[in-house]
Amino acid sequence: MRTGAVIVAAGMSSRMGDFKPLMSMGEMSIIGRVIVNFQQAEVFPIVVVTGFHAELLEKHITKMGAICVRNPNYEHTEMFDSVLLGLSFIRNLCDRVFFTPADIPLFTYDTVRQLLDTVSDVVKPVYFDRDGHPVLLSGALVDKIIKYKGNGGLKTAIDLYAEDIKLIAVEDEGILLDADTKEEYQDLLERNNKLLFRPAVDVSLMREGRLFDKNAALLLHMVAYSGTVKVASEKIGISYSKAWKMLAALEERLGFPLLKRQHGGEAGGMSILTEDGRKLLFCYEQYAKAVKKYAEDIFDDYFDWEP
């Protein structure tokens, strides 16, 4: 079962007086911290809905392997409209979807794993009787939310359509902590500095040099989803020519084609993964998942101490 995430970062951060997603959180940005929290738990794909300062934000986050969906009418729409854009885009890419605003960066890996281990229409983390983010939504519920035309936003849609809501008690106050004001931001910084470290593993396949990695995997995923290299390159924030150069270099090094190409016609060019391309992508992801799980399992054997 594949679980993705939608992070909404389209707002103007008017109360903060600064652009929250790109404000620093230790050595990372706030939005970067949210993305990494999901990546450490093998959540994929991760879709970020942008709006205000879209180009600046998209340039920043596509380097992290996130997919960008832009709300061009962010000034005249509500957060729920951005939520719907993200959910509509990601729905066919995964079976379940996490949702969170971009300004709640301190929820932990352990919280994400606890939520992933629970099956329900809605799974919410709870800290001392207060529920927070991220919220995990089933695919069936997402389908209903996407069709919702009423008022009240995401919470109202969930209350209307969810038949089963599970509340998971977590020892993680970070699920409640956002950054709307300068004072709240300073509090987040202080808490961030006290967080314990966790392993973060990126897996690359090598020959003489790097052969295949997470960036190549993301490009193949987006080609498989969209059917065109053009759309795939736009969504992951690289140029069309760079995407083709990446694919050509991969095919040359691998020694087999990754794409079947259909040129021209009224519908325009199409590209689909070859059988070998699909197999490579599947094997890489399963291997990377196993390596990361092993790294997590043995972490405490080496770092069972506090400095």
C-alpha atoms as a PDB file:
ATOM      1  CA  MET A   1       0.000   0.000   0.000  1.00  0.00           C
ATOM      2  CA  ARG A   2       1.549   3.284  -1.140  1.00  0.00           C
ATOM      3  CA  THR A   3       1.030   6.351   1.035  1.00  0.00           C
ATOM      4  CA  GLY A   4       1.652   9.877  -0.255  1.00  0.00           C
ATOM      5  CA  ALA A   5       1.373  13.332   1.265  1.00  0.00           C
ATOM      6  CA  VAL A   6      -0.099  16.714   0.379  1.00  0.00           C
ATOM      7  CA  ILE A   7       1.489  19.769   1.983  1.00  0.00           C
ATOM      8  CA  VAL A   8      -0.294  23.077   1.458  1.00  0.00           C
ATOM      9  CA  ALA A   9       2.046  26.068   1.222  1.00  0.00           C
ATOM     10  CA  ALA A  10       0.064  28.494  -0.931  1.00  0.00           C
ATOM     11  CA  GLY A  11      -0.724  31.201   1.644  1.00  0.00           C
ATOM     12  CA  MET A  12       0.862  34.615   2.075  1.00  0.00           C
ATOM     13  CA  SER A  13       2.024  34.221   5.712  1.00  0.00           C
ATOM     14  CA  SER A  14       0.462  37.607   6.510  1.00  0.00           C
ATOM     15  CA  ARG A  15       0.511  37.208  10.312  1.00  0.00           C
ATOM     16  CA  MET A  16       4.170  36.212  10.351  1.00  0.00           C
ATOM     17  CA  GLY A  17       5.345  39.115   8.224  1.00  0.00           C
ATOM     18  CA  ASP A  18       7.768  36.790   6.419  1.00  0.00           C
ATOM     19  CA  PHE A  19       7.460  33.862   4.004  1.00  0.00           C
ATOM     20  CA  LYS A  20       7.075  30.974   6.453  1.00  0.00           C
ATOM     21  CA  PRO A  21       7.929  27.961   4.255  1.00  0.00           C
ATOM     22  CA  LEU A  22      11.440  29.268   3.557  1.00  0.00           C
ATOM     23  CA  MET A  23      12.245  30.490   7.068  1.00  0.00           C
ATOM     24  CA  SER A  24      15.071  28.507   8.637  1.00  0.00           C
ATOM     25  CA  MET A  25      14.499  25.565  10.949  1.00  0.00           C
ATOM     26  CA  GLY A  26      17.965  24.616  12.122  1.00  0.00           C
ATOM     27  CA  GLU A  27      19.956  23.784   8.995  1.00  0.00           C
ATOM     28  CA  MET A  28      16.783  23.385   6.935  1.00  0.00           C
ATOM     29  CA  SER A  29      13.775  25.446   5.951  1.00  0.00           C
ATOM     30  CA  ILE A  30      10.378  24.944   7.583  1.00  0.00           C
ATOM     31  CA  ILE A  31       8.972  23.335   4.427  1.00  0.00           C
ATOM     32  CA  GLY A  32      12.139  21.248   4.111  1.00  0.00           C
ATOM     33  CA  ARG A  33      11.659  19.893   7.613  1.00  0.00           C
ATOM     34  CA  VAL A  34       8.082  18.841   6.804  1.00  0.00           C
ATOM     35  CA  ILE A  35       9.188  17.085   3.609  1.00  0.00           C
ATOM     36  CA  VAL A  36      12.022  15.237   5.361  1.00  0.00           C
ATOM     37  CA  ASN A  37       9.694  14.117   8.156  1.00  0.00           C
ATOM     38  CA  PHE A  38       7.645  12.266   5.559  1.00  0.00           C
ATOM     39  CA  GLN A  39      10.606  11.029   3.535  1.00  0.00           C
ATOM     40  CA  GLN A  40      12.183   9.394   6.571  1.00  0.00           C
ATOM     41  CA  ALA A  41       9.030   7.284   6.923  1.00  0.00           C
ATOM     42  CA  GLU A  42       9.057   6.288   3.215  1.00  0.00           C
ATOM     43  CA  VAL A  43       6.023   8.414   2.342  1.00  0.00           C
ATOM     44  CA  PHE A  44       5.930   8.899  -1.446  1.00  0.00           C
ATOM     45  CA  PRO A  45       4.977  10.829  -3.494  1.00  0.00           C
ATOM     46  CA  ILE A  46       5.029  14.168  -1.672  1.00  0.00           C
ATOM     47  CA  VAL A  47       3.036  16.964  -3.327  1.00  0.00           C
ATOM     48  CA  VAL A  48       3.432  20.593  -2.262  1.00  0.00           C
ATOM     49  CA  VAL A  49       0.713  23.043  -3.306  1.00  0.00           C
ATOM     50  CA  THR A  50       2.282  26.438  -3.962  1.00  0.00           C
ATOM     51  CA  GLY A  51       0.841  29.900  -4.597  1.00  0.00           C
ATOM     52  CA  PHE A  52       2.452  32.951  -3.008  1.00  0.00           C
ATOM     53  CA  HIS A  53       6.123  33.211  -4.078  1.00  0.00           C
ATOM     54  CA  ALA A  54       5.491  30.039  -6.102  1.00  0.00           C
ATOM     55  CA  GLU A  55       8.574  30.142  -8.303  1.00  0.00           C
ATOM     56  CA  LEU A  56      10.919  30.740  -5.381  1.00  0.00           C
ATOM     57  CA  LEU A  57       9.356  27.955  -3.332  1.00  0.00           C
ATOM     58  CA  GLU A  58       9.218  25.488  -6.212  1.00  0.00           C
ATOM     59  CA  LYS A  59      12.891  26.014  -7.005  1.00  0.00           C
ATOM     60  CA  HIS A  60      13.702  25.256  -3.374  1.00  0.00           C
ATOM     61  CA  ILE A  61      11.632  22.126  -2.854  1.00  0.00           C
ATOM     62  CA  THR A  62      12.003  20.314  -6.183  1.00  0.00           C
ATOM     63  CA  LYS A  63      15.636  19.717  -5.225  1.00  0.00           C
ATOM     64  CA  MET A  64      14.271  17.621  -2.358  1.00  0.00           C
ATOM     65  CA  GLY A  65      12.247  15.288  -4.560  1.00  0.00           C
ATOM     66  CA  ALA A  66       8.841  16.880  -3.975  1.00  0.00           C
ATOM     67  CA  ILE A  67       6.277  17.459  -6.726  1.00  0.00           C
ATOM     68  CA  CYS A  68       4.828  20.942  -7.151  1.00  0.00           C
ATOM     69  CA  VAL A  69       1.210  21.779  -7.925  1.00  0.00           C
ATOM     70  CA  ARG A  70       0.485  25.493  -8.220  1.00  0.00           C
ATOM     71  CA  ASN A  71      -2.681  27.321  -7.182  1.00  0.00           C
ATOM     72  CA  PRO A  72      -2.663  30.357  -9.513  1.00  0.00           C
ATOM     73  CA  ASN A  73      -5.665  31.878  -7.691  1.00  0.00           C
ATOM     74  CA  TYR A  74      -4.260  31.608  -4.163  1.00  0.00           C
ATOM     75  CA  GLU A  75      -5.106  35.243  -3.382  1.00  0.00           C
ATOM     76  CA  HIS A  76      -8.824  34.701  -4.057  1.00  0.00           C
ATOM     77  CA  THR A  77      -9.353  31.152  -2.776  1.00  0.00           C
ATOM     78  CA  GLU A  78      -9.422  29.364   0.575  1.00  0.00           C
ATOM     79  CA  MET A  79      -6.964  26.762   1.870  1.00  0.00           C
ATOM     80  CA  PHE A  80      -9.485  24.045   0.992  1.00  0.00           C
ATOM     81  CA  ASP A  81      -9.160  24.945  -2.687  1.00  0.00           C
ATOM     82  CA  SER A  82      -5.431  24.286  -2.445  1.00  0.00           C
ATOM     83  CA  VAL A  83      -6.130  21.041  -0.581  1.00  0.00           C
ATOM     84  CA  LEU A  84      -8.401  19.920  -3.432  1.00  0.00           C
ATOM     85  CA  LEU A  85      -5.729  20.700  -6.019  1.00  0.00           C
ATOM     86  CA  GLY A  86      -3.220  18.566  -4.156  1.00  0.00           C
ATOM     87  CA  LEU A  87      -5.599  15.685  -3.482  1.00  0.00           C
ATOM     88  CA  SER A  88      -6.840  15.640  -7.077  1.00  0.00           C
ATOM     89  CA  PHE A  89      -3.295  15.444  -8.395  1.00  0.00           C
ATOM     90  CA  ILE A  90      -2.012  12.762  -6.027  1.00  0.00           C
ATOM     91  CA  ARG A  91      -5.061  10.498  -5.907  1.00  0.00           C
ATOM     92  CA  ASN A  92      -4.030   8.137  -8.713  1.00  0.00           C
ATOM     93  CA  LEU A  93      -0.461   7.913  -7.438  1.00  0.00           C
ATOM     94  CA  CYS A  94      -1.136   6.295  -4.067  1.00  0.00           C
ATOM     95  CA  ASP A  95      -3.660   4.464  -1.885  1.00  0.00           C
ATOM     96  CA  ARG A  96      -3.665   6.772   1.149  1.00  0.00           C
ATOM     97  CA  VAL A  97      -2.748  10.425   1.629  1.00  0.00           C
ATOM     98  CA  PHE A  98      -1.333  12.432   4.510  1.00  0.00           C
ATOM     99  CA  PHE A  99      -2.407  16.067   4.716  1.00  0.00           C
ATOM    100  CA  THR A 100      -0.734  18.866   6.628  1.00  0.00           C
ATOM    101  CA  PRO A 101      -0.255  22.623   6.316  1.00  0.00           C
ATOM    102  CA  ALA A 102       3.350  23.645   5.641  1.00  0.00           C
ATOM    103  CA  ASP A 103       3.818  25.472   8.947  1.00  0.00           C
ATOM    104  CA  ILE A 104       3.729  22.439  11.287  1.00  0.00           C
ATOM    105  CA  PRO A 105       7.309  21.158  10.979  1.00  0.00           C
ATOM    106  CA  LEU A 106       8.063  19.330  14.216  1.00  0.00           C
ATOM    107  CA  PHE A 107       5.912  16.204  14.096  1.00  0.00           C
ATOM    108  CA  THR A 108       8.227  13.207  14.360  1.00  0.00           C
ATOM    109  CA  TYR A 109       9.133  10.110  12.391  1.00  0.00           C
ATOM    110  CA  ASP A 110       7.670   7.946  15.166  1.00  0.00           C
ATOM    111  CA  THR A 111       4.318   9.733  14.863  1.00  0.00           C
ATOM    112  CA  VAL A 112       4.197   9.175  11.110  1.00  0.00           C
ATOM    113  CA  ARG A 113       5.010   5.483  11.592  1.00  0.00           C
ATOM    114  CA  GLN A 114       2.261   5.092  14.206  1.00  0.00           C
ATOM    115  CA  LEU A 115      -0.288   6.602  11.846  1.00  0.00           C
ATOM    116  CA  LEU A 116       0.886   4.425   8.955  1.00  0.00           C
ATOM    117  CA  ASP A 117       0.303   1.309  11.059  1.00  0.00           C
ATOM    118  CA  THR A 118      -3.394   2.193  11.464  1.00  0.00           C
ATOM    119  CA  VAL A 119      -6.091   1.598   8.840  1.00  0.00           C
ATOM    120  CA  SER A 120      -9.185   3.831   8.853  1.00  0.00           C
ATOM    121  CA  ASP A 121     -11.000   6.464   6.801  1.00  0.00           C
ATOM    122  CA  VAL A 122      -9.195   9.065   8.902  1.00  0.00           C
ATOM    123  CA  VAL A 123      -6.269   8.633  11.274  1.00  0.00           C
ATOM    124  CA  LYS A 124      -5.435  11.609  13.519  1.00  0.00           C
ATOM    125  CA  PRO A 125      -2.573  11.980  16.006  1.00  0.00           C
ATOM    126  CA  VAL A 126      -3.617  13.149  19.479  1.00  0.00           C
ATOM    127  CA  TYR A 127      -1.470  14.747  22.168  1.00  0.00           C
ATOM    128  CA  PHE A 128      -3.159  15.155  25.569  1.00  0.00           C
ATOM    129  CA  ASP A 129      -6.663  15.078  24.038  1.00  0.00           C
ATOM    130  CA  ARG A 130      -5.824  17.572  21.269  1.00  0.00           C
ATOM    131  CA  ASP A 131      -5.672  16.317  17.695  1.00  0.00           C
ATOM    132  CA  GLY A 132      -3.157  17.753  15.250  1.00  0.00           C
ATOM    133  CA  HIS A 133      -1.282  17.128  12.002  1.00  0.00           C
ATOM    134  CA  PRO A 134      -0.512  15.275   9.842  1.00  0.00           C
ATOM    135  CA  VAL A 135      -3.866  13.614   9.185  1.00  0.00           C
ATOM    136  CA  LEU A 136      -3.995  10.363   7.207  1.00  0.00           C
ATOM    137  CA  LEU A 137      -6.895   9.920   4.748  1.00  0.00           C
ATOM    138  CA  SER A 138      -7.977   6.747   2.984  1.00  0.00           C
ATOM    139  CA  GLY A 139      -8.198   6.736  -0.803  1.00  0.00           C
ATOM    140  CA  ALA A 140     -11.951   6.130  -0.679  1.00  0.00           C
ATOM    141  CA  LEU A 141     -12.434   9.181   1.534  1.00  0.00           C
ATOM    142  CA  VAL A 142     -10.193  11.309  -0.694  1.00  0.00           C
ATOM    143  CA  ASP A 143     -12.429  10.443  -3.646  1.00  0.00           C
ATOM    144  CA  LYS A 144     -15.427  11.813  -1.745  1.00  0.00           C
ATOM    145  CA  ILE A 145     -13.615  14.920  -0.511  1.00  0.00           C
ATOM    146  CA  ILE A 146     -12.568  15.818  -4.059  1.00  0.00           C
ATOM    147  CA  LYS A 147     -16.243  15.872  -5.093  1.00  0.00           C
ATOM    148  CA  TYR A 148     -17.373  17.963  -2.101  1.00  0.00           C
ATOM    149  CA  LYS A 149     -18.863  21.314  -3.168  1.00  0.00           C
ATOM    150  CA  GLY A 150     -20.129  22.638   0.151  1.00  0.00           C
ATOM    151  CA  ASN A 151     -18.776  25.153   2.646  1.00  0.00           C
ATOM    152  CA  GLY A 152     -16.676  24.610   5.738  1.00  0.00           C
ATOM    153  CA  GLY A 153     -13.468  23.282   4.260  1.00  0.00           C
ATOM    154  CA  LEU A 154     -11.650  20.007   4.824  1.00  0.00           C
ATOM    155  CA  LYS A 155     -12.876  19.437   8.381  1.00  0.00           C
ATOM    156  CA  THR A 156     -16.514  19.700   7.314  1.00  0.00           C
ATOM    157  CA  ALA A 157     -15.941  17.333   4.386  1.00  0.00           C
ATOM    158  CA  ILE A 158     -14.253  14.803   6.681  1.00  0.00           C
ATOM    159  CA  ASP A 159     -17.063  15.017   9.253  1.00  0.00           C
ATOM    160  CA  LEU A 160     -19.615  14.527   6.465  1.00  0.00           C
ATOM    161  CA  TYR A 161     -18.054  11.553   4.687  1.00  0.00           C
ATOM    162  CA  ALA A 162     -15.787   9.693   7.126  1.00  0.00           C
ATOM    163  CA  GLU A 163     -17.402   6.574   8.559  1.00  0.00           C
ATOM    164  CA  ASP A 164     -14.487   5.662  10.805  1.00  0.00           C
ATOM    165  CA  ILE A 165     -12.089   8.093  12.503  1.00  0.00           C
ATOM    166  CA  LYS A 166      -9.285   6.698  14.639  1.00  0.00           C
ATOM    167  CA  LEU A 167      -7.442   8.870  17.160  1.00  0.00           C
ATOM    168  CA  ILE A 168      -3.889   7.738  17.904  1.00  0.00           C
ATOM    169  CA  ALA A 169      -2.298   8.939  21.140  1.00  0.00           C
ATOM    170  CA  VAL A 170       1.281  10.073  20.487  1.00  0.00           C
ATOM    171  CA  GLU A 171       4.051  11.459  22.683  1.00  0.00           C
ATOM    172  CA  ASP A 172       4.671  14.267  20.244  1.00  0.00           C
ATOM    173  CA  GLU A 173       3.649  17.839  21.000  1.00  0.00           C
ATOM    174  CA  GLY A 174       4.992  18.786  17.562  1.00  0.00           C
ATOM    175  CA  ILE A 175       1.675  17.755  15.991  1.00  0.00           C
ATOM    176  CA  LEU A 176       0.120  20.888  17.541  1.00  0.00           C
ATOM    177  CA  LEU A 177       2.847  23.466  17.004  1.00  0.00           C
ATOM    178  CA  ASP A 178       2.565  25.849  14.063  1.00  0.00           C
ATOM    179  CA  ALA A 179       4.340  29.085  13.246  1.00  0.00           C
ATOM    180  CA  ASP A 180       1.852  31.914  12.772  1.00  0.00           C
ATOM    181  CA  THR A 181       3.756  34.557  14.754  1.00  0.00           C
ATOM    182  CA  LYS A 182       7.360  35.495  15.483  1.00  0.00           C
ATOM    183  CA  GLU A 183       6.935  34.252  19.052  1.00  0.00           C
ATOM    184  CA  GLU A 184       5.688  30.842  17.902  1.00  0.00           C
ATOM    185  CA  TYR A 185       8.541  30.637  15.414  1.00  0.00           C
ATOM    186  CA  GLN A 186      11.131  31.249  18.136  1.00  0.00           C
ATOM    187  CA  ASP A 187       9.525  28.525  20.237  1.00  0.00           C
ATOM    188  CA  LEU A 188       9.758  26.112  17.297  1.00  0.00           C
ATOM    189  CA  LEU A 189      13.441  26.910  16.837  1.00  0.00           C
ATOM    190  CA  GLU A 190      14.180  26.151  20.484  1.00  0.00           C
ATOM    191  CA  ARG A 191      12.269  22.879  20.334  1.00  0.00           C
ATOM    192  CA  ASN A 192      13.939  21.893  17.059  1.00  0.00           C
ATOM    193  CA  ASN A 193      17.376  22.224  18.642  1.00  0.00           C
ATOM    194  CA  LYS A 194      16.403  19.645  21.268  1.00  0.00           C
ATOM    195  CA  LEU A 195      15.205  16.966  18.829  1.00  0.00           C
ATOM    196  CA  LEU A 196      17.070  13.671  18.755  1.00  0.00           C
ATOM    197  CA  PHE A 197      18.731  12.727  15.488  1.00  0.00           C
ATOM    198  CA  ARG A 198      17.565   9.856  13.280  1.00  0.00           C
ATOM    199  CA  PRO A 199      19.140   8.013  10.335  1.00  0.00           C
ATOM    200  CA  ALA A 200      18.513   9.343   6.822  1.00  0.00           C
ATOM    201  CA  VAL A 201      19.615   7.066   3.988  1.00  0.00           C
ATOM    202  CA  ASP A 202      19.640   7.796   0.246  1.00  0.00           C
ATOM    203  CA  VAL A 203      20.196   4.774  -1.995  1.00  0.00           C
ATOM    204  CA  SER A 204      22.020   4.992  -5.331  1.00  0.00           C
ATOM    205  CA  LEU A 205      22.901   2.225  -7.760  1.00  0.00           C
ATOM    206  CA  MET A 206      26.474   2.499  -9.021  1.00  0.00           C
ATOM    207  CA  ARG A 207      28.825   1.235 -11.701  1.00  0.00           C
ATOM    208  CA  GLU A 208      31.879   3.391 -12.361  1.00  0.00           C
ATOM    209  CA  GLY A 209      29.692   6.312 -11.339  1.00  0.00           C
ATOM    210  CA  ARG A 210      26.146   6.892 -10.159  1.00  0.00           C
ATOM    211  CA  LEU A 211      23.713   4.898 -12.278  1.00  0.00           C
ATOM    212  CA  PHE A 212      20.262   5.297 -10.753  1.00  0.00           C
ATOM    213  CA  ASP A 213      18.980   7.235  -7.735  1.00  0.00           C
ATOM    214  CA  LYS A 214      15.883   8.782  -6.174  1.00  0.00           C
ATOM    215  CA  ASN A 215      15.839  11.669  -8.684  1.00  0.00           C
ATOM    216  CA  ALA A 216      15.792   9.257 -11.612  1.00  0.00           C
ATOM    217  CA  ALA A 217      13.068   7.236  -9.882  1.00  0.00           C
ATOM    218  CA  LEU A 218      10.936  10.363  -9.386  1.00  0.00           C
ATOM    219  CA  LEU A 219      11.276  11.289 -13.070  1.00  0.00           C
ATOM    220  CA  LEU A 220      10.177   7.802 -14.164  1.00  0.00           C
ATOM    221  CA  HIS A 221       7.231   7.911 -11.766  1.00  0.00           C
ATOM    222  CA  MET A 222       6.050  11.220 -13.186  1.00  0.00           C
ATOM    223  CA  VAL A 223       6.436  10.046 -16.795  1.00  0.00           C
ATOM    224  CA  ALA A 224       4.408   6.935 -15.947  1.00  0.00           C
ATOM    225  CA  TYR A 225       1.717   9.096 -14.327  1.00  0.00           C
ATOM    226  CA  SER A 226       1.488  11.874 -16.911  1.00  0.00           C
ATOM    227  CA  GLY A 227       2.365  10.009 -20.100  1.00  0.00           C
ATOM    228  CA  THR A 228       4.671  12.812 -21.254  1.00  0.00           C
ATOM    229  CA  VAL A 229       8.200  13.872 -20.430  1.00  0.00           C
ATOM    230  CA  LYS A 230       7.122  17.510 -20.765  1.00  0.00           C
ATOM    231  CA  VAL A 231       4.562  17.369 -17.969  1.00  0.00           C
ATOM    232  CA  ALA A 232       6.844  15.186 -15.842  1.00  0.00           C
ATOM    233  CA  SER A 233       9.693  17.680 -16.084  1.00  0.00           C
ATOM    234  CA  GLU A 234       7.409  20.586 -15.159  1.00  0.00           C
ATOM    235  CA  LYS A 235       6.118  18.846 -12.048  1.00  0.00           C
ATOM    236  CA  ILE A 236       9.548  17.962 -10.687  1.00  0.00           C
ATOM    237  CA  GLY A 237      11.030  21.359 -11.506  1.00  0.00           C
ATOM    238  CA  ILE A 238      13.563  20.624 -14.252  1.00  0.00           C
ATOM    239  CA  SER A 239      13.679  21.736 -17.879  1.00  0.00           C
ATOM    240  CA  TYR A 240      12.271  19.589 -20.665  1.00  0.00           C
ATOM    241  CA  SER A 241      15.709  19.311 -22.298  1.00  0.00           C
ATOM    242  CA  LYS A 242      17.354  18.301 -18.999  1.00  0.00           C
ATOM    243  CA  ALA A 243      14.757  15.561 -18.490  1.00  0.00           C
ATOM    244  CA  TRP A 244      15.478  14.087 -21.916  1.00  0.00           C
ATOM    245  CA  LYS A 245      19.221  14.302 -21.301  1.00  0.00           C
ATOM    246  CA  MET A 246      18.763  12.447 -18.010  1.00  0.00           C
ATOM    247  CA  LEU A 247      16.725   9.732 -19.696  1.00  0.00           C
ATOM    248  CA  ALA A 248      19.141   9.365 -22.612  1.00  0.00           C
ATOM    249  CA  ALA A 249      22.117   9.099 -20.243  1.00  0.00           C
ATOM    250  CA  LEU A 250      20.307   6.534 -18.108  1.00  0.00           C
ATOM    251  CA  GLU A 251      19.415   4.392 -21.087  1.00  0.00           C
ATOM    252  CA  GLU A 252      22.980   4.527 -22.401  1.00  0.00           C
ATOM    253  CA  ARG A 253      24.484   3.515 -19.056  1.00  0.00           C
ATOM    254  CA  LEU A 254      21.874   0.852 -18.360  1.00  0.00           C
ATOM    255  CA  GLY A 255      21.972  -0.646 -21.832  1.00  0.00           C
ATOM    256  CA  PHE A 256      18.213  -0.905 -22.318  1.00  0.00           C
ATOM    257  CA  PRO A 257      15.350   1.504 -23.108  1.00  0.00           C
ATOM    258  CA  LEU A 258      13.292   2.943 -20.271  1.00  0.00           C
ATOM    259  CA  LEU A 259      10.559   4.540 -22.397  1.00  0.00           C
ATOM    260  CA  LYS A 260       8.431   3.709 -25.380  1.00  0.00           C
ATOM    261  CA  ARG A 261       7.942   6.888 -27.392  1.00  0.00           C
ATOM    262  CA  GLN A 262       4.995   7.802 -29.600  1.00  0.00           C
ATOM    263  CA  HIS A 263       5.676  10.953 -31.605  1.00  0.00           C
ATOM    264  CA  GLY A 264       3.266  13.555 -32.972  1.00  0.00           C
ATOM    265  CA  GLY A 265      -0.371  13.028 -33.838  1.00  0.00           C
ATOM    266  CA  GLU A 266      -3.361  15.093 -32.763  1.00  0.00           C
ATOM    267  CA  ALA A 267      -2.867  14.088 -29.147  1.00  0.00           C
ATOM    268  CA  GLY A 268       0.825  15.034 -29.221  1.00  0.00           C
ATOM    269  CA  GLY A 269       3.765  12.851 -28.173  1.00  0.00           C
ATOM    270  CA  MET A 270       3.337  10.163 -25.529  1.00  0.00           C
ATOM    271  CA  SER A 271       5.843   8.236 -23.444  1.00  0.00           C
ATOM    272  CA  ILE A 272       5.268   5.108 -21.348  1.00  0.00           C
ATOM    273  CA  LEU A 273       7.666   2.992 -19.334  1.00  0.00           C
ATOM    274  CA  THR A 274       8.975  -0.170 -20.944  1.00  0.00           C
ATOM    275  CA  GLU A 275       8.649  -3.460 -19.072  1.00  0.00           C
ATOM    276  CA  ASP A 276      12.338  -3.205 -18.131  1.00  0.00           C
ATOM    277  CA  GLY A 277      11.788   0.391 -16.998  1.00  0.00           C
ATOM    278  CA  ARG A 278       8.913  -0.635 -14.734  1.00  0.00           C
ATOM    279  CA  LYS A 279      10.905  -3.543 -13.343  1.00  0.00           C
ATOM    280  CA  LEU A 280      13.934  -1.348 -12.616  1.00  0.00           C
ATOM    281  CA  LEU A 281      11.769   1.212 -10.823  1.00  0.00           C
ATOM    282  CA  PHE A 282       9.990  -1.452  -8.764  1.00  0.00           C
ATOM    283  CA  CYS A 283      13.202  -3.262  -7.769  1.00  0.00           C
ATOM    284  CA  TYR A 284      14.979  -0.022  -6.882  1.00  0.00           C
ATOM    285  CA  GLU A 285      12.136   1.125  -4.629  1.00  0.00           C
ATOM    286  CA  GLN A 286      11.802  -2.233  -2.872  1.00  0.00           C
ATOM    287  CA  TYR A 287      15.562  -2.426  -2.330  1.00  0.00           C
ATOM    288  CA  ALA A 288      15.759   1.161  -1.049  1.00  0.00           C
ATOM    289  CA  LYS A 289      12.875   0.498   1.322  1.00  0.00           C
ATOM    290  CA  ALA A 290      14.607  -2.600   2.728  1.00  0.00           C
ATOM    291  CA  VAL A 291      17.932  -0.755   3.160  1.00  0.00           C
ATOM    292  CA  LYS A 292      16.271   2.133   4.998  1.00  0.00           C
ATOM    293  CA  LYS A 293      14.339  -0.224   7.255  1.00  0.00           C
ATOM    294  CA  TYR A 294      17.554  -2.042   8.147  1.00  0.00           C
ATOM    295  CA  ALA A 295      19.251   1.269   8.926  1.00  0.00           C
ATOM    296  CA  GLU A 296      16.370   2.182  11.215  1.00  0.00           C
ATOM    297  CA  ASP A 297      16.344  -1.230  12.912  1.00  0.00           C
ATOM    298  CA  ILE A 298      20.043  -1.131  13.831  1.00  0.00           C
ATOM    299  CA  PHE A 299      20.216   2.581  14.685  1.00  0.00           C
ATOM    300  CA  ASP A 300      19.772   2.104  18.438  1.00  0.00           C
ATOM    301  CA  ASP A 301      22.498  -0.564  18.469  1.00  0.00           C
ATOM    302  CA  TYR A 302      25.019   2.184  17.738  1.00  0.00           C
ATOM    303  CA  PHE A 303      23.395   5.363  19.064  1.00  0.00           C
ATOM    304  CA  ASP A 304      21.707   4.254  22.293  1.00  0.00           C
ATOM    305  CA  TRP A 305      23.111   7.180  24.238  1.00  0.00           C
ATOM    306  CA  GLU A 306      22.498  10.862  24.852  1.00  0.00           C
ATOM    307  CA  PRO A 307      25.318  13.404  24.503  1.00  0.00           C
END
